[in-house]
Amino acid sequence: MHVDLMTKTEFASHMGVSRFAVSKWIERGTLSDAALEGTGRKARIRVPVAIDEIRRNRDIGQSLGNGIATRTSQGSRDLAAAATPPTPKSAEPNEDRRDEPNTAPDVPAPVPLVDSVEAQLKRARLEEQLRRNRLQAADEAKLQGELLSAKDARTQMARIAGTMLQIFEGALPDFASKVAEKFDVPQRDVLHLMRDHFRTVRSEAARKEQARAEATPIEAKARLGEVD
């Protein structure tokens, strides 16, 4: 069997894929009529033409995922190596063995799975494009107000909490006035009592929050940017 011409099954094994994948290449036009000899089930693959067409026509992301880019990048060298017959061993002195016919099948050499420079460049370009897509998506989300950094979020929450405390504390004189009017007691005494109790509540809340923060695992604090 000549190495430049293979059945679909032999070509699939040579490329490290399934026979179904080879059929799909033909259906999708990845392999053109120029890469085929014959038609239908008996069609054979012209190996040099097929490898060149696969290298040119296959999707970069898919070919990197299943390793085809690595194998097709070796196309010319692999075919040359496979077409070169192995060096025969020295004849044995035994006359009977010397006269025996060579019945060993002509099996194509396996394609080395070497990570070629071409495959590395394609993979690097794909990774760079994916990174650019992620950055563009993040920038767009920021412009639309859908993305906020953790630091900015903490700053906003602290500002809201401080504003709410100021509003509540500023309303204490009104509360005291209403209580004093209701129970006929001095408004000043009521306000003094409310402010003392308010400071006690704030101190207790701050103590509990500090204890909760100290109990937070260091990994969680690092993610929140609370530690270096």
Protein backbone atom coordinates (compact mmCIF):
# COMPACT_ATOMS: atom_id res chain seq x y z
CA MET A 1 0.00 0.00 0.00
CA HIS A 2 1.42 3.38 -1.03
CA VAL A 3 1.74 5.83 1.86
CA ASP A 4 0.37 8.75 -0.21
CA LEU A 5 -3.00 7.01 -0.64
CA MET A 6 -5.09 5.70 2.29
CA THR A 7 -8.60 4.57 3.07
CA LYS A 8 -10.70 6.75 5.37
CA THR A 9 -10.07 4.37 8.27
CA GLU A 10 -6.31 4.35 7.68
CA PHE A 11 -6.20 8.13 7.35
CA ALA A 12 -8.23 8.57 10.55
CA SER A 13 -5.76 6.35 12.42
CA HIS A 14 -2.85 8.24 10.85
CA MET A 15 -4.28 11.58 12.07
CA GLY A 16 -5.36 10.29 15.48
CA VAL A 17 -9.08 10.94 14.96
CA SER A 18 -12.18 8.84 14.37
CA ARG A 19 -13.40 7.72 10.94
CA PHE A 20 -16.54 9.77 11.62
CA ALA A 21 -14.38 12.91 11.90
CA VAL A 22 -12.84 12.21 8.47
CA SER A 23 -16.33 11.82 6.99
CA LYS A 24 -17.34 15.14 8.53
CA TRP A 25 -14.30 16.84 7.01
CA ILE A 26 -15.45 15.64 3.60
CA GLU A 27 -19.08 16.71 4.19
CA ARG A 28 -18.09 20.19 5.39
CA GLY A 29 -15.61 20.78 2.58
CA THR A 30 -12.56 20.74 4.84
CA LEU A 31 -11.35 18.03 2.45
CA SER A 32 -12.12 18.91 -1.17
CA ASP A 33 -12.44 16.61 -4.19
CA ALA A 34 -8.75 17.24 -4.85
CA ALA A 35 -7.93 15.29 -1.68
CA LEU A 36 -10.02 12.29 -2.74
CA GLU A 37 -9.51 9.53 -5.27
CA GLY A 38 -12.77 7.86 -6.20
CA THR A 39 -16.22 8.46 -4.74
CA GLY A 40 -18.53 7.02 -2.13
CA ARG A 41 -17.50 4.33 0.33
CA LYS A 42 -14.55 3.24 -1.81
CA ALA A 43 -13.01 6.72 -1.98
CA ARG A 44 -9.40 6.97 -0.83
CA ILE A 45 -7.55 9.90 0.68
CA ARG A 46 -4.62 11.60 -1.05
CA VAL A 47 -2.59 12.09 2.13
CA PRO A 48 -0.31 15.06 1.20
CA VAL A 49 -3.21 17.05 -0.26
CA ALA A 50 -5.51 16.17 2.67
CA ILE A 51 -3.02 17.23 5.33
CA ASP A 52 -2.39 20.54 3.55
CA GLU A 53 -6.14 21.23 3.27
CA ILE A 54 -6.75 20.37 6.94
CA ARG A 55 -3.96 22.74 7.96
CA ARG A 56 -5.51 25.57 5.91
CA ASN A 57 -9.22 24.98 6.50
CA ARG A 58 -9.72 23.83 10.07
CA ASP A 59 -10.86 26.18 12.87
CA ILE A 60 -7.93 27.23 15.09
CA GLY A 61 -9.76 26.72 18.42
CA GLN A 62 -11.06 23.27 17.48
CA SER A 63 -7.78 22.06 15.99
CA LEU A 64 -5.83 23.14 19.08
CA GLY A 65 -8.36 21.39 21.30
CA ASN A 66 -7.95 17.97 19.69
CA GLY A 67 -4.28 18.21 18.65
CA ILE A 68 -4.82 18.26 14.87
CA ALA A 69 -2.78 21.46 14.52
CA THR A 70 0.23 19.65 15.97
CA ARG A 71 -0.11 16.73 13.58
CA THR A 72 -0.78 18.75 10.42
CA SER A 73 2.16 21.04 11.17
CA GLN A 74 4.37 17.98 10.78
CA GLY A 75 2.80 17.12 7.38
CA SER A 76 5.69 17.23 4.93
CA ARG A 77 8.30 15.80 7.30
CA ASP A 78 6.04 12.97 8.44
CA LEU A 79 5.15 11.94 4.89
CA ALA A 80 8.78 11.99 3.83
CA ALA A 81 9.76 9.91 6.84
CA ALA A 82 6.91 7.46 6.24
CA ALA A 83 7.75 7.12 2.54
CA THR A 84 11.39 6.30 3.24
CA PRO A 85 11.73 2.52 3.52
CA PRO A 86 13.45 1.23 6.65
CA THR A 87 17.08 0.24 6.37
CA PRO A 88 17.18 -3.55 5.99
CA LYS A 89 19.00 -5.54 8.62
CA SER A 90 22.19 -7.34 7.71
CA ALA A 91 21.54 -10.69 6.13
CA GLU A 92 21.87 -13.57 8.49
CA PRO A 93 24.32 -16.34 7.58
CA ASN A 94 21.45 -18.79 7.57
CA GLU A 95 20.69 -19.43 3.87
CA ASP A 96 17.11 -20.47 4.61
CA ARG A 97 16.29 -17.16 6.30
CA ARG A 98 17.99 -15.26 3.48
CA ASP A 99 15.74 -16.91 0.92
CA GLU A 100 12.51 -16.22 2.82
CA PRO A 101 10.30 -13.53 1.19
CA ASN A 102 9.69 -10.29 3.09
CA THR A 103 6.05 -10.52 4.15
CA ALA A 104 6.07 -7.56 6.58
CA PRO A 105 3.24 -5.11 5.71
CA ASP A 106 4.11 -1.59 4.60
CA VAL A 107 2.65 0.30 7.59
CA PRO A 108 2.77 4.13 7.57
CA ALA A 109 5.00 5.58 10.24
CA PRO A 110 3.04 7.16 13.15
CA VAL A 111 2.94 10.93 13.21
CA PRO A 112 5.08 12.32 16.08
CA LEU A 113 3.00 14.31 18.55
CA VAL A 114 5.43 17.22 18.75
CA ASP A 115 4.27 20.63 19.94
CA SER A 116 5.44 22.57 16.88
CA VAL A 117 6.22 26.27 16.74
CA GLU A 118 3.19 26.74 14.48
CA ALA A 119 0.88 25.17 17.08
CA GLN A 120 2.41 27.23 19.89
CA LEU A 121 1.90 30.46 17.93
CA LYS A 122 -1.72 29.59 17.16
CA ARG A 123 -2.37 28.74 20.81
CA ALA A 124 -0.76 32.00 21.96
CA ARG A 125 -2.87 34.02 19.51
CA LEU A 126 -6.04 32.27 20.68
CA GLU A 127 -5.25 32.88 24.37
CA GLU A 128 -4.47 36.55 23.66
CA GLN A 129 -7.77 37.00 21.80
CA LEU A 130 -9.72 35.38 24.66
CA ARG A 131 -8.00 37.70 27.14
CA ARG A 132 -8.90 40.74 25.04
CA ASN A 133 -12.52 39.58 24.90
CA ARG A 134 -12.65 39.29 28.70
CA LEU A 135 -11.17 42.76 29.20
CA GLN A 136 -13.55 44.30 26.67
CA ALA A 137 -16.52 42.65 28.38
CA ALA A 138 -15.37 43.98 31.77
CA ASP A 139 -14.91 47.51 30.39
CA GLU A 140 -18.37 47.43 28.83
CA ALA A 141 -19.92 46.25 32.10
CA LYS A 142 -18.22 49.13 33.96
CA LEU A 143 -19.56 51.66 31.47
CA GLN A 144 -23.09 50.28 31.92
CA GLY A 145 -22.79 50.35 35.72
CA GLU A 146 -22.99 46.58 36.01
CA LEU A 147 -19.49 46.09 37.44
CA LEU A 148 -17.98 47.71 40.54
CA SER A 149 -14.65 47.01 42.22
CA ALA A 150 -14.69 45.58 45.74
CA LYS A 151 -12.86 48.66 47.06
CA ASP A 152 -15.41 51.06 45.56
CA ALA A 153 -18.27 48.92 46.89
CA ARG A 154 -16.87 49.01 50.44
CA THR A 155 -16.41 52.79 50.21
CA GLN A 156 -20.00 53.28 49.07
CA MET A 157 -21.40 51.00 51.79
CA ALA A 158 -19.41 52.83 54.50
CA ARG A 159 -20.70 56.16 53.19
CA ILE A 160 -24.30 54.94 53.25
CA ALA A 161 -23.92 53.55 56.78
CA GLY A 162 -22.41 56.83 58.01
CA THR A 163 -25.19 58.87 56.40
CA MET A 164 -27.88 56.71 58.02
CA LEU A 165 -26.28 57.13 61.46
CA GLN A 166 -26.13 60.90 61.03
CA ILE A 167 -29.77 61.02 59.98
CA PHE A 168 -30.88 58.93 62.95
CA GLU A 169 -28.76 60.83 65.48
CA GLY A 170 -29.95 64.16 64.05
CA ALA A 171 -33.56 63.07 64.61
CA LEU A 172 -33.04 62.43 68.35
CA PRO A 173 -34.12 65.96 69.40
CA ASP A 174 -37.42 65.51 67.54
CA PHE A 175 -37.92 62.11 69.22
CA ALA A 176 -37.16 63.63 72.62
CA SER A 177 -39.58 66.48 72.01
CA LYS A 178 -42.41 64.09 71.17
CA VAL A 179 -41.72 61.93 74.23
CA ALA A 180 -41.49 64.96 76.53
CA GLU A 181 -44.76 66.31 75.19
CA LYS A 182 -46.49 62.95 75.58
CA PHE A 183 -45.40 62.26 79.15
CA ASP A 184 -45.04 65.88 80.34
CA VAL A 185 -41.35 65.65 81.23
CA PRO A 186 -38.45 68.01 80.41
CA GLN A 187 -37.34 67.58 76.79
CA ARG A 188 -33.70 68.13 77.77
CA ASP A 189 -33.70 65.15 80.15
CA VAL A 190 -35.31 62.91 77.54
CA LEU A 191 -32.75 63.97 74.90
CA HIS A 192 -29.86 63.35 77.29
CA LEU A 193 -31.16 59.84 78.03
CA MET A 194 -31.65 59.03 74.36
CA ARG A 195 -28.16 60.19 73.38
CA ASP A 196 -26.53 58.16 76.14
CA HIS A 197 -28.41 55.04 75.13
CA PHE A 198 -27.65 55.67 71.44
CA ARG A 199 -23.90 55.84 72.15
CA THR A 200 -24.13 52.59 74.12
CA VAL A 201 -25.89 50.84 71.24
CA ARG A 202 -23.28 52.11 68.74
CA SER A 203 -20.38 50.95 70.91
CA GLU A 204 -21.89 47.48 71.35
CA ALA A 205 -22.54 47.16 67.62
CA ALA A 206 -18.97 48.22 66.82
CA ARG A 207 -17.59 45.65 69.30
CA LYS A 208 -19.61 42.83 67.73
CA GLU A 209 -18.56 43.82 64.22
CA GLN A 210 -14.90 43.90 65.26
CA ALA A 211 -15.21 40.41 66.75
CA ARG A 212 -16.83 39.15 63.54
CA ALA A 213 -14.04 40.65 61.41
CA GLU A 214 -11.34 39.06 63.56
CA ALA A 215 -13.03 35.67 63.21
CA THR A 216 -13.03 35.92 59.39
CA PRO A 217 -10.45 33.56 57.80
CA ILE A 218 -7.35 35.33 56.50
CA GLU A 219 -8.06 34.06 52.96
CA ALA A 220 -11.46 35.79 52.95
CA LYS A 221 -9.89 39.01 54.24
CA ALA A 222 -7.29 38.89 51.48
CA ARG A 223 -10.02 38.52 48.85
CA LEU A 224 -11.81 41.52 50.35
CA GLY A 225 -8.60 43.56 50.32
CA GLU A 226 -8.59 43.98 54.10
CA VAL A 227 -5.06 42.65 54.51
CA ASP A 228 -1.86 42.89 52.48
